């Protein structure tokens, strides 16, 4: 896996709270774990992206249909906020790996991701995460507009709607990114 530009693997929204919404997440977790191991083996930085809100969720307005429906602001305590952002135990970051907290769907929105990427000289992003129609789509679109080179690992992403996942991978993402299976990316 020869690199012409510096690459980072983004592991996005792989929080236990989000993964629990998928009917079967074990294969996805296993594949993302393998992608992380491959990145470590090839000295590719792994950056974890989580969506999170402060106690009381002051970042969430009634105008944000998705987050407003998912968060009970009156009962959103510091403990709930901390539990919400916990990354699944099978793919927890190693000591020193970066965790970026975002406040919206895209990994860039409301986070310091772009500052981190610039500081590290990273111009190629490899995307994994849940959901394909959420964080992966939003991050891919914004990253493409920011002129990043992009790779999406198809089987390291998932969506509650398999058909939406398929359409995005085969018809939408391929226009702005290289879409690969994990096995192909590892080679």
N, C-alpha and C. Protein backbone atom coordinates (compact mmCIF):
# COMPACT_ATOMS: atom_id res chain seq x y z
N UNK A 1 0.84 -1.16 0.00
CA UNK A 1 0.00 0.00 0.00
C UNK A 1 0.90 1.24 0.00
N UNK A 2 1.37 1.63 -1.17
CA UNK A 2 2.25 2.78 -1.28
C UNK A 2 1.43 4.06 -1.22
N UNK A 3 1.92 5.01 -0.42
CA UNK A 3 1.21 6.27 -0.25
C UNK A 3 1.94 7.38 -0.98
N UNK A 4 1.19 8.15 -1.79
CA UNK A 4 1.77 9.31 -2.44
C UNK A 4 1.51 10.57 -1.63
N UNK A 5 0.47 10.58 -0.83
CA UNK A 5 0.16 11.67 0.09
C UNK A 5 -0.12 11.05 1.45
N UNK A 6 0.01 11.86 2.50
CA UNK A 6 -0.21 11.33 3.84
C UNK A 6 -1.69 11.00 4.02
N UNK A 7 -1.95 9.83 4.58
CA UNK A 7 -3.29 9.27 4.72
C UNK A 7 -3.66 9.13 6.18
N UNK A 8 -4.95 9.25 6.46
CA UNK A 8 -5.50 8.93 7.79
C UNK A 8 -6.76 8.10 7.61
N UNK A 9 -6.96 7.18 8.52
CA UNK A 9 -8.18 6.39 8.58
C UNK A 9 -9.13 7.08 9.55
N UNK A 10 -10.33 7.43 9.08
CA UNK A 10 -11.34 8.02 9.96
C UNK A 10 -12.33 6.93 10.36
N UNK A 11 -12.48 6.75 11.66
CA UNK A 11 -13.43 5.79 12.24
C UNK A 11 -14.54 6.63 12.83
N UNK A 12 -15.68 6.68 12.13
CA UNK A 12 -16.70 7.68 12.44
C UNK A 12 -17.97 7.09 13.04
N UNK A 13 -18.38 7.70 14.14
CA UNK A 13 -19.62 7.37 14.84
C UNK A 13 -19.74 5.89 15.20
N UNK A 14 -18.63 5.28 15.52
CA UNK A 14 -18.62 3.88 15.93
C UNK A 14 -18.81 3.80 17.45
N UNK A 15 -19.80 4.54 17.91
CA UNK A 15 -20.15 4.59 19.31
C UNK A 15 -21.12 3.46 19.62
N UNK A 16 -21.01 2.88 20.80
CA UNK A 16 -21.93 1.81 21.19
C UNK A 16 -23.38 2.26 21.08
N UNK A 17 -23.65 3.52 21.44
CA UNK A 17 -25.02 4.04 21.39
C UNK A 17 -25.57 4.06 19.97
N UNK A 18 -24.74 4.26 18.99
CA UNK A 18 -25.17 4.30 17.59
C UNK A 18 -25.18 2.89 17.00
N UNK A 19 -24.14 2.12 17.28
CA UNK A 19 -24.07 0.75 16.76
C UNK A 19 -25.22 -0.11 17.24
N UNK A 20 -25.73 0.18 18.44
CA UNK A 20 -26.83 -0.63 18.98
C UNK A 20 -28.10 -0.49 18.15
N UNK A 21 -28.16 0.48 17.28
CA UNK A 21 -29.34 0.69 16.43
C UNK A 21 -29.33 -0.20 15.19
N UNK A 22 -28.20 -0.83 14.91
CA UNK A 22 -28.11 -1.74 13.77
C UNK A 22 -28.54 -3.13 14.23
N UNK A 23 -29.30 -3.85 13.41
CA UNK A 23 -29.77 -5.17 13.82
C UNK A 23 -28.64 -6.16 14.10
N UNK A 24 -27.57 -6.13 13.29
CA UNK A 24 -26.42 -7.00 13.53
C UNK A 24 -25.17 -6.19 13.22
N UNK A 25 -24.45 -5.83 14.26
CA UNK A 25 -23.28 -4.98 14.04
C UNK A 25 -21.96 -5.73 14.19
N UNK A 26 -21.99 -7.00 14.48
CA UNK A 26 -20.76 -7.73 14.78
C UNK A 26 -19.81 -7.82 13.58
N UNK A 27 -20.32 -8.06 12.38
CA UNK A 27 -19.45 -8.14 11.20
C UNK A 27 -18.81 -6.79 10.92
N UNK A 28 -19.59 -5.73 11.06
CA UNK A 28 -19.06 -4.38 10.84
C UNK A 28 -17.95 -4.07 11.84
N UNK A 29 -18.19 -4.34 13.10
CA UNK A 29 -17.18 -4.07 14.14
C UNK A 29 -15.91 -4.86 13.86
N UNK A 30 -16.05 -6.13 13.46
CA UNK A 30 -14.88 -6.95 13.14
C UNK A 30 -14.10 -6.36 11.98
N UNK A 31 -14.79 -5.92 10.94
CA UNK A 31 -14.10 -5.38 9.76
C UNK A 31 -13.42 -4.04 10.08
N UNK A 32 -14.10 -3.19 10.84
CA UNK A 32 -13.48 -1.91 11.22
C UNK A 32 -12.26 -2.18 12.09
N UNK A 33 -12.35 -3.16 12.96
CA UNK A 33 -11.20 -3.54 13.78
C UNK A 33 -10.03 -3.97 12.91
N UNK A 34 -10.31 -4.72 11.88
CA UNK A 34 -9.27 -5.15 10.94
C UNK A 34 -8.69 -3.97 10.15
N UNK A 35 -9.54 -3.03 9.79
CA UNK A 35 -9.06 -1.82 9.09
C UNK A 35 -8.13 -1.03 10.00
N UNK A 36 -8.49 -0.92 11.26
CA UNK A 36 -7.66 -0.20 12.24
C UNK A 36 -6.31 -0.91 12.39
N UNK A 37 -6.33 -2.23 12.50
CA UNK A 37 -5.09 -3.00 12.63
C UNK A 37 -4.21 -2.79 11.40
N UNK A 38 -4.81 -2.77 10.22
CA UNK A 38 -4.06 -2.54 8.99
C UNK A 38 -3.45 -1.14 8.98
N UNK A 39 -4.21 -0.16 9.42
CA UNK A 39 -3.69 1.21 9.49
C UNK A 39 -2.48 1.26 10.43
N UNK A 40 -2.62 0.66 11.61
CA UNK A 40 -1.51 0.63 12.57
C UNK A 40 -0.28 -0.02 11.94
N UNK A 41 -0.48 -1.15 11.28
CA UNK A 41 0.62 -1.91 10.66
C UNK A 41 1.34 -1.06 9.61
N UNK A 42 0.59 -0.19 8.93
CA UNK A 42 1.15 0.62 7.85
C UNK A 42 1.45 2.06 8.27
N UNK A 43 1.47 2.30 9.58
CA UNK A 43 1.77 3.64 10.12
C UNK A 43 0.83 4.72 9.59
N UNK A 44 -0.42 4.35 9.40
CA UNK A 44 -1.46 5.30 9.00
C UNK A 44 -2.16 5.76 10.27
N UNK A 45 -2.19 7.07 10.53
CA UNK A 45 -2.89 7.54 11.73
C UNK A 45 -4.38 7.17 11.69
N UNK A 46 -4.91 6.82 12.85
CA UNK A 46 -6.33 6.53 12.99
C UNK A 46 -6.93 7.67 13.80
N UNK A 47 -7.96 8.28 13.25
CA UNK A 47 -8.64 9.38 13.93
C UNK A 47 -10.08 8.95 14.15
N UNK A 48 -10.50 8.97 15.41
CA UNK A 48 -11.86 8.59 15.78
C UNK A 48 -12.73 9.84 15.82
N UNK A 49 -13.90 9.74 15.22
CA UNK A 49 -14.85 10.85 15.20
C UNK A 49 -16.09 10.39 15.96
N UNK A 50 -16.50 11.18 16.94
CA UNK A 50 -17.74 10.88 17.68
C UNK A 50 -18.66 12.09 17.61
N UNK A 51 -19.93 11.84 17.63
CA UNK A 51 -20.90 12.93 17.74
C UNK A 51 -21.28 13.03 19.20
N UNK A 52 -21.24 14.24 19.73
CA UNK A 52 -21.52 14.40 21.15
C UNK A 52 -22.05 15.77 21.48
N UNK A 53 -22.73 15.84 22.61
CA UNK A 53 -23.33 17.09 23.08
C UNK A 53 -23.08 17.25 24.57
N UNK A 54 -23.01 18.47 25.02
CA UNK A 54 -22.83 18.77 26.44
C UNK A 54 -24.10 18.42 27.21
N UNK A 55 -23.99 18.40 28.53
CA UNK A 55 -25.17 18.20 29.38
C UNK A 55 -26.21 19.26 29.02
N UNK A 56 -27.44 18.85 28.90
CA UNK A 56 -28.51 19.76 28.50
C UNK A 56 -28.59 19.98 27.00
N UNK A 57 -27.62 19.45 26.24
CA UNK A 57 -27.56 19.51 24.78
C UNK A 57 -27.85 20.92 24.24
N UNK A 58 -27.09 21.93 24.67
CA UNK A 58 -27.35 23.28 24.17
C UNK A 58 -27.08 23.43 22.67
N UNK A 59 -26.35 22.47 22.09
CA UNK A 59 -26.05 22.51 20.65
C UNK A 59 -27.22 22.06 19.79
N UNK A 60 -28.23 21.46 20.39
CA UNK A 60 -29.34 20.88 19.64
C UNK A 60 -30.56 21.80 19.73
N UNK A 61 -31.03 22.22 18.57
CA UNK A 61 -32.23 23.07 18.52
C UNK A 61 -33.40 22.28 17.96
N UNK A 62 -34.58 22.80 18.16
CA UNK A 62 -35.79 22.17 17.62
C UNK A 62 -35.75 22.16 16.09
N UNK A 63 -34.92 23.02 15.51
CA UNK A 63 -34.78 23.06 14.06
C UNK A 63 -33.97 21.91 13.49
N UNK A 64 -33.30 21.15 14.33
CA UNK A 64 -32.53 20.01 13.87
C UNK A 64 -33.35 18.75 14.13
N UNK A 65 -34.09 18.36 13.13
CA UNK A 65 -35.06 17.26 13.26
C UNK A 65 -34.43 15.96 13.78
N UNK A 66 -33.29 15.57 13.26
CA UNK A 66 -32.67 14.31 13.64
C UNK A 66 -32.18 14.28 15.08
N UNK A 67 -31.36 15.25 15.44
CA UNK A 67 -30.80 15.27 16.79
C UNK A 67 -31.86 15.61 17.84
N UNK A 68 -32.78 16.50 17.49
CA UNK A 68 -33.81 16.89 18.45
C UNK A 68 -34.68 15.69 18.83
N UNK A 69 -34.97 14.82 17.85
CA UNK A 69 -35.77 13.63 18.12
C UNK A 69 -35.01 12.60 18.94
N UNK A 70 -33.68 12.57 18.79
CA UNK A 70 -32.86 11.55 19.47
C UNK A 70 -32.48 11.94 20.90
N UNK A 71 -32.51 13.22 21.21
CA UNK A 71 -32.01 13.71 22.50
C UNK A 71 -33.15 14.33 23.30
N UNK A 72 -33.32 13.86 24.53
CA UNK A 72 -34.26 14.51 25.45
C UNK A 72 -33.45 15.54 26.24
N UNK A 73 -33.50 16.78 25.79
CA UNK A 73 -32.64 17.83 26.35
C UNK A 73 -32.81 18.00 27.86
N UNK A 74 -34.03 17.88 28.34
CA UNK A 74 -34.28 18.07 29.77
C UNK A 74 -33.63 16.99 30.62
N UNK A 75 -33.46 15.81 30.05
CA UNK A 75 -32.89 14.69 30.79
C UNK A 75 -31.49 14.33 30.32
N UNK A 76 -30.88 15.17 29.49
CA UNK A 76 -29.56 14.90 28.94
C UNK A 76 -28.51 15.35 29.94
N UNK A 77 -28.09 14.43 30.78
CA UNK A 77 -27.16 14.73 31.87
C UNK A 77 -25.71 14.58 31.42
N UNK A 78 -24.81 14.97 32.25
CA UNK A 78 -23.38 14.79 31.98
C UNK A 78 -23.06 13.31 31.80
N UNK A 79 -23.68 12.46 32.63
CA UNK A 79 -23.44 11.02 32.52
C UNK A 79 -23.97 10.47 31.20
N UNK A 80 -25.17 10.91 30.79
CA UNK A 80 -25.73 10.46 29.51
C UNK A 80 -24.85 10.91 28.36
N UNK A 81 -24.39 12.15 28.42
CA UNK A 81 -23.52 12.68 27.37
C UNK A 81 -22.25 11.85 27.26
N UNK A 82 -21.67 11.49 28.41
CA UNK A 82 -20.44 10.69 28.42
C UNK A 82 -20.69 9.28 27.87
N UNK A 83 -21.81 8.66 28.25
CA UNK A 83 -22.13 7.32 27.76
C UNK A 83 -22.39 7.35 26.26
N UNK A 84 -23.04 8.38 25.78
CA UNK A 84 -23.41 8.51 24.36
C UNK A 84 -22.17 8.45 23.46
N UNK A 85 -21.06 9.05 23.89
CA UNK A 85 -19.87 9.14 23.02
C UNK A 85 -18.90 7.98 23.18
N UNK A 86 -19.21 7.00 24.04
CA UNK A 86 -18.29 5.88 24.23
C UNK A 86 -18.15 5.06 22.95
N UNK A 87 -16.92 4.89 22.52
CA UNK A 87 -16.62 4.10 21.33
C UNK A 87 -16.73 2.62 21.71
N UNK A 88 -17.22 1.82 20.79
CA UNK A 88 -17.42 0.40 21.05
C UNK A 88 -16.13 -0.21 21.62
N UNK A 89 -16.24 -1.05 22.66
CA UNK A 89 -15.04 -1.59 23.33
C UNK A 89 -14.13 -2.43 22.43
N UNK A 90 -14.63 -2.98 21.34
CA UNK A 90 -13.79 -3.78 20.46
C UNK A 90 -12.92 -2.95 19.52
N UNK A 91 -13.15 -1.64 19.50
CA UNK A 91 -12.36 -0.78 18.60
C UNK A 91 -11.90 0.51 19.29
N UNK A 92 -11.71 0.45 20.58
CA UNK A 92 -11.30 1.65 21.32
C UNK A 92 -9.95 2.16 20.84
N UNK A 93 -9.76 3.46 20.88
CA UNK A 93 -8.49 4.05 20.45
C UNK A 93 -7.33 3.61 21.33
N UNK A 94 -6.17 3.50 20.70
CA UNK A 94 -4.94 3.26 21.45
C UNK A 94 -4.52 4.57 22.10
N UNK A 95 -3.70 4.45 23.13
CA UNK A 95 -3.22 5.65 23.80
C UNK A 95 -2.55 6.57 22.78
N UNK A 96 -2.92 7.83 22.82
CA UNK A 96 -2.34 8.82 21.93
C UNK A 96 -3.11 9.03 20.64
N UNK A 97 -4.05 8.15 20.33
CA UNK A 97 -4.84 8.37 19.11
C UNK A 97 -5.85 9.48 19.35
N UNK A 98 -6.14 10.20 18.30
CA UNK A 98 -6.98 11.39 18.39
C UNK A 98 -8.45 11.00 18.33
N UNK A 99 -9.24 11.62 19.23
CA UNK A 99 -10.70 11.51 19.19
C UNK A 99 -11.23 12.91 18.96
N UNK A 100 -12.00 13.08 17.91
CA UNK A 100 -12.59 14.36 17.55
C UNK A 100 -14.08 14.29 17.86
N UNK A 101 -14.57 15.29 18.58
CA UNK A 101 -16.01 15.37 18.85
C UNK A 101 -16.62 16.39 17.91
N UNK A 102 -17.64 15.95 17.18
CA UNK A 102 -18.36 16.83 16.27
C UNK A 102 -19.73 17.11 16.85
N UNK A 103 -20.38 18.13 16.35
CA UNK A 103 -21.70 18.52 16.88
C UNK A 103 -22.82 18.36 15.85
N UNK A 104 -22.46 17.93 14.67
CA UNK A 104 -23.44 17.71 13.62
C UNK A 104 -23.09 16.43 12.87
N UNK A 105 -23.69 16.20 11.71
CA UNK A 105 -23.52 14.94 11.00
C UNK A 105 -22.13 14.81 10.39
N UNK A 106 -21.67 15.82 9.67
CA UNK A 106 -20.35 15.75 9.04
C UNK A 106 -19.25 15.76 10.10
N UNK A 107 -18.18 15.02 9.84
CA UNK A 107 -17.04 14.99 10.76
C UNK A 107 -16.37 16.35 10.88
N UNK A 108 -16.59 17.24 9.92
CA UNK A 108 -15.97 18.56 9.93
C UNK A 108 -16.80 19.59 10.72
N UNK A 109 -18.10 19.43 10.74
CA UNK A 109 -18.97 20.47 11.28
C UNK A 109 -18.96 20.48 12.81
N UNK A 110 -18.57 21.62 13.35
CA UNK A 110 -18.53 21.79 14.79
C UNK A 110 -17.39 21.05 15.46
N UNK A 111 -16.33 20.74 14.68
CA UNK A 111 -15.18 20.02 15.24
C UNK A 111 -13.88 20.71 14.80
N UNK A 112 -12.78 20.22 15.33
CA UNK A 112 -11.47 20.72 14.95
C UNK A 112 -10.74 19.76 14.00
N UNK A 113 -11.50 18.91 13.31
CA UNK A 113 -10.89 17.91 12.43
C UNK A 113 -10.00 18.54 11.37
N UNK A 114 -10.47 19.58 10.73
CA UNK A 114 -9.68 20.17 9.65
C UNK A 114 -8.36 20.74 10.16
N UNK A 115 -8.38 21.33 11.34
CA UNK A 115 -7.14 21.85 11.94
C UNK A 115 -6.16 20.71 12.19
N UNK A 116 -6.65 19.60 12.71
CA UNK A 116 -5.81 18.43 12.98
C UNK A 116 -5.22 17.88 11.69
N UNK A 117 -6.05 17.74 10.67
CA UNK A 117 -5.57 17.20 9.39
C UNK A 117 -4.50 18.11 8.79
N UNK A 118 -4.74 19.41 8.82
CA UNK A 118 -3.77 20.37 8.29
C UNK A 118 -2.45 20.30 9.06
N UNK A 119 -2.54 20.25 10.39
CA UNK A 119 -1.34 20.20 11.23
C UNK A 119 -0.52 18.94 10.97
N UNK A 120 -1.18 17.86 10.61
CA UNK A 120 -0.50 16.58 10.37
C UNK A 120 -0.11 16.40 8.90
N UNK A 121 -0.51 17.34 8.04
CA UNK A 121 -0.20 17.23 6.62
C UNK A 121 -0.98 16.14 5.91
N UNK A 122 -2.14 15.79 6.41
CA UNK A 122 -2.95 14.70 5.85
C UNK A 122 -3.83 15.25 4.72
N UNK A 123 -3.73 14.61 3.55
CA UNK A 123 -4.52 15.03 2.37
C UNK A 123 -5.37 13.89 1.80
N UNK A 124 -5.23 12.69 2.37
CA UNK A 124 -6.00 11.53 1.89
C UNK A 124 -6.74 10.93 3.08
N UNK A 125 -8.06 10.83 2.96
CA UNK A 125 -8.89 10.29 4.03
C UNK A 125 -9.50 8.97 3.60
N UNK A 126 -9.41 7.99 4.48
CA UNK A 126 -10.06 6.69 4.28
C UNK A 126 -11.22 6.66 5.26
N UNK A 127 -12.44 6.52 4.74
CA UNK A 127 -13.64 6.66 5.55
C UNK A 127 -14.25 5.32 5.92
N UNK A 128 -14.62 5.20 7.20
CA UNK A 128 -15.41 4.08 7.72
C UNK A 128 -16.45 4.68 8.65
N UNK A 129 -17.56 3.98 8.87
CA UNK A 129 -18.49 4.49 9.87
C UNK A 129 -19.94 4.17 9.67
N UNK A 130 -20.70 4.65 10.64
CA UNK A 130 -22.15 4.48 10.69
C UNK A 130 -22.76 5.87 10.84
N UNK A 131 -23.60 6.28 10.04
CA UNK A 131 -24.23 5.57 8.96
C UNK A 131 -23.78 6.08 7.60
N UNK A 132 -23.92 5.23 6.61
CA UNK A 132 -23.52 5.56 5.25
C UNK A 132 -24.25 6.81 4.77
N UNK A 133 -25.54 6.91 5.07
CA UNK A 133 -26.34 8.05 4.61
C UNK A 133 -26.22 9.26 5.54
N UNK A 134 -25.46 9.12 6.62
CA UNK A 134 -25.27 10.21 7.57
C UNK A 134 -23.83 10.71 7.53
N UNK A 135 -23.04 10.29 8.51
CA UNK A 135 -21.68 10.80 8.65
C UNK A 135 -20.80 10.50 7.44
N UNK A 136 -20.94 9.33 6.83
CA UNK A 136 -20.08 9.00 5.70
C UNK A 136 -20.40 9.91 4.51
N UNK A 137 -21.66 10.02 4.17
CA UNK A 137 -22.08 10.88 3.06
C UNK A 137 -21.70 12.34 3.31
N UNK A 138 -22.04 12.87 4.46
CA UNK A 138 -21.78 14.28 4.77
C UNK A 138 -20.29 14.58 4.80
N UNK A 139 -19.51 13.69 5.38
CA UNK A 139 -18.06 13.89 5.46
C UNK A 139 -17.43 13.78 4.08
N UNK A 140 -17.85 12.80 3.31
CA UNK A 140 -17.32 12.62 1.96
C UNK A 140 -17.57 13.87 1.13
N UNK A 141 -18.78 14.38 1.15
CA UNK A 141 -19.12 15.57 0.35
C UNK A 141 -18.30 16.78 0.77
N UNK A 142 -18.20 17.01 2.08
CA UNK A 142 -17.45 18.16 2.55
C UNK A 142 -15.95 18.00 2.27
N UNK A 143 -15.43 16.80 2.48
CA UNK A 143 -14.01 16.55 2.22
C UNK A 143 -13.69 16.72 0.74
N UNK A 144 -14.58 16.28 -0.13
CA UNK A 144 -14.37 16.45 -1.57
C UNK A 144 -14.33 17.94 -1.92
N UNK A 145 -15.21 18.72 -1.32
CA UNK A 145 -15.21 20.17 -1.56
C UNK A 145 -13.94 20.82 -1.04
N UNK A 146 -13.29 20.19 -0.07
CA UNK A 146 -12.04 20.71 0.51
C UNK A 146 -10.81 20.11 -0.19
N UNK A 147 -11.06 19.38 -1.28
CA UNK A 147 -10.01 18.82 -2.13
C UNK A 147 -9.18 17.71 -1.50
N UNK A 148 -9.75 16.95 -0.59
CA UNK A 148 -9.07 15.78 -0.05
C UNK A 148 -9.19 14.63 -1.05
N UNK A 149 -8.18 13.79 -1.10
CA UNK A 149 -8.26 12.53 -1.82
C UNK A 149 -9.05 11.60 -0.91
N UNK A 150 -9.98 10.82 -1.47
CA UNK A 150 -10.89 10.04 -0.63
C UNK A 150 -10.96 8.58 -1.05
N UNK A 151 -11.02 7.73 -0.02
CA UNK A 151 -11.29 6.31 -0.19
C UNK A 151 -12.38 5.96 0.81
N UNK A 152 -13.35 5.17 0.40
CA UNK A 152 -14.39 4.67 1.29
C UNK A 152 -14.28 3.16 1.31
N UNK A 153 -14.21 2.58 2.50
CA UNK A 153 -14.19 1.12 2.61
C UNK A 153 -15.64 0.67 2.77
N UNK A 154 -16.19 0.16 1.70
CA UNK A 154 -17.61 -0.21 1.61
C UNK A 154 -18.08 -1.06 2.78
N UNK A 155 -17.39 -2.15 3.05
CA UNK A 155 -17.86 -3.08 4.09
C UNK A 155 -17.42 -2.68 5.49
N UNK A 156 -16.85 -1.48 5.62
CA UNK A 156 -16.55 -0.90 6.94
C UNK A 156 -17.48 0.28 7.20
N UNK A 157 -18.56 0.34 6.44
CA UNK A 157 -19.62 1.33 6.61
C UNK A 157 -20.94 0.58 6.66
N UNK A 158 -21.91 1.15 7.32
CA UNK A 158 -23.23 0.51 7.39
C UNK A 158 -24.31 1.56 7.51
N UNK A 159 -25.50 1.16 7.12
CA UNK A 159 -26.67 2.03 7.21
C UNK A 159 -27.86 1.16 7.61
N UNK A 160 -28.81 1.74 8.28
CA UNK A 160 -30.01 0.99 8.66
C UNK A 160 -30.77 0.52 7.43
N UNK A 161 -30.58 1.21 6.31
CA UNK A 161 -31.24 0.85 5.06
C UNK A 161 -30.18 0.33 4.09
N UNK A 162 -30.18 -0.98 3.86
CA UNK A 162 -29.16 -1.60 2.99
C UNK A 162 -29.21 -1.09 1.56
N UNK A 163 -30.40 -0.78 1.06
CA UNK A 163 -30.52 -0.28 -0.30
C UNK A 163 -29.92 1.12 -0.42
N UNK A 164 -30.11 1.96 0.56
CA UNK A 164 -29.50 3.29 0.56
C UNK A 164 -27.98 3.14 0.57
N UNK A 165 -27.47 2.24 1.40
CA UNK A 165 -26.03 1.98 1.45
C UNK A 165 -25.52 1.58 0.06
N UNK A 166 -26.21 0.65 -0.58
CA UNK A 166 -25.79 0.16 -1.90
C UNK A 166 -25.78 1.29 -2.93
N UNK A 167 -26.83 2.07 -2.97
CA UNK A 167 -26.92 3.16 -3.95
C UNK A 167 -25.82 4.19 -3.72
N UNK A 168 -25.60 4.56 -2.47
CA UNK A 168 -24.55 5.53 -2.19
C UNK A 168 -23.18 5.00 -2.61
N UNK A 169 -22.89 3.77 -2.27
CA UNK A 169 -21.57 3.20 -2.60
C UNK A 169 -21.37 3.06 -4.10
N UNK A 170 -22.37 2.58 -4.81
CA UNK A 170 -22.20 2.27 -6.23
C UNK A 170 -22.48 3.43 -7.17
N UNK A 171 -23.35 4.34 -6.78
CA UNK A 171 -23.75 5.40 -7.71
C UNK A 171 -23.31 6.80 -7.29
N UNK A 172 -23.16 7.06 -6.02
CA UNK A 172 -22.86 8.42 -5.56
C UNK A 172 -21.40 8.57 -5.16
N UNK A 173 -20.93 7.75 -4.25
CA UNK A 173 -19.58 7.91 -3.72
C UNK A 173 -18.51 7.72 -4.79
N UNK A 174 -18.74 6.81 -5.71
CA UNK A 174 -17.73 6.50 -6.74
C UNK A 174 -17.39 7.71 -7.59
N UNK A 175 -18.23 8.72 -7.60
CA UNK A 175 -17.95 9.94 -8.37
C UNK A 175 -16.89 10.81 -7.69
N UNK A 176 -16.73 10.66 -6.37
CA UNK A 176 -15.81 11.53 -5.63
C UNK A 176 -14.76 10.77 -4.84
N UNK A 177 -14.84 9.46 -4.83
CA UNK A 177 -13.93 8.67 -4.00
C UNK A 177 -13.67 7.33 -4.66
N UNK A 178 -12.60 6.71 -4.21
CA UNK A 178 -12.37 5.32 -4.58
C UNK A 178 -13.12 4.48 -3.55
N UNK A 179 -14.00 3.62 -4.01
CA UNK A 179 -14.78 2.75 -3.12
C UNK A 179 -14.20 1.35 -3.21
N UNK A 180 -13.73 0.85 -2.06
CA UNK A 180 -13.07 -0.46 -2.01
C UNK A 180 -13.68 -1.33 -0.93
N UNK A 181 -13.47 -2.63 -1.05
CA UNK A 181 -13.76 -3.52 0.07
C UNK A 181 -12.56 -3.49 1.01
N UNK A 182 -12.76 -3.97 2.22
CA UNK A 182 -11.66 -4.04 3.18
C UNK A 182 -10.52 -4.89 2.61
N UNK A 183 -10.83 -6.03 2.04
CA UNK A 183 -9.79 -6.92 1.51
C UNK A 183 -8.96 -6.21 0.44
N UNK A 184 -9.60 -5.42 -0.39
CA UNK A 184 -8.87 -4.70 -1.43
C UNK A 184 -8.02 -3.59 -0.81
N UNK A 185 -8.53 -2.91 0.21
CA UNK A 185 -7.75 -1.84 0.85
C UNK A 185 -6.53 -2.39 1.57
N UNK A 186 -6.67 -3.56 2.17
CA UNK A 186 -5.57 -4.17 2.92
C UNK A 186 -4.42 -4.59 2.00
N UNK A 187 -4.73 -4.96 0.76
CA UNK A 187 -3.69 -5.43 -0.18
C UNK A 187 -2.67 -4.38 -0.48
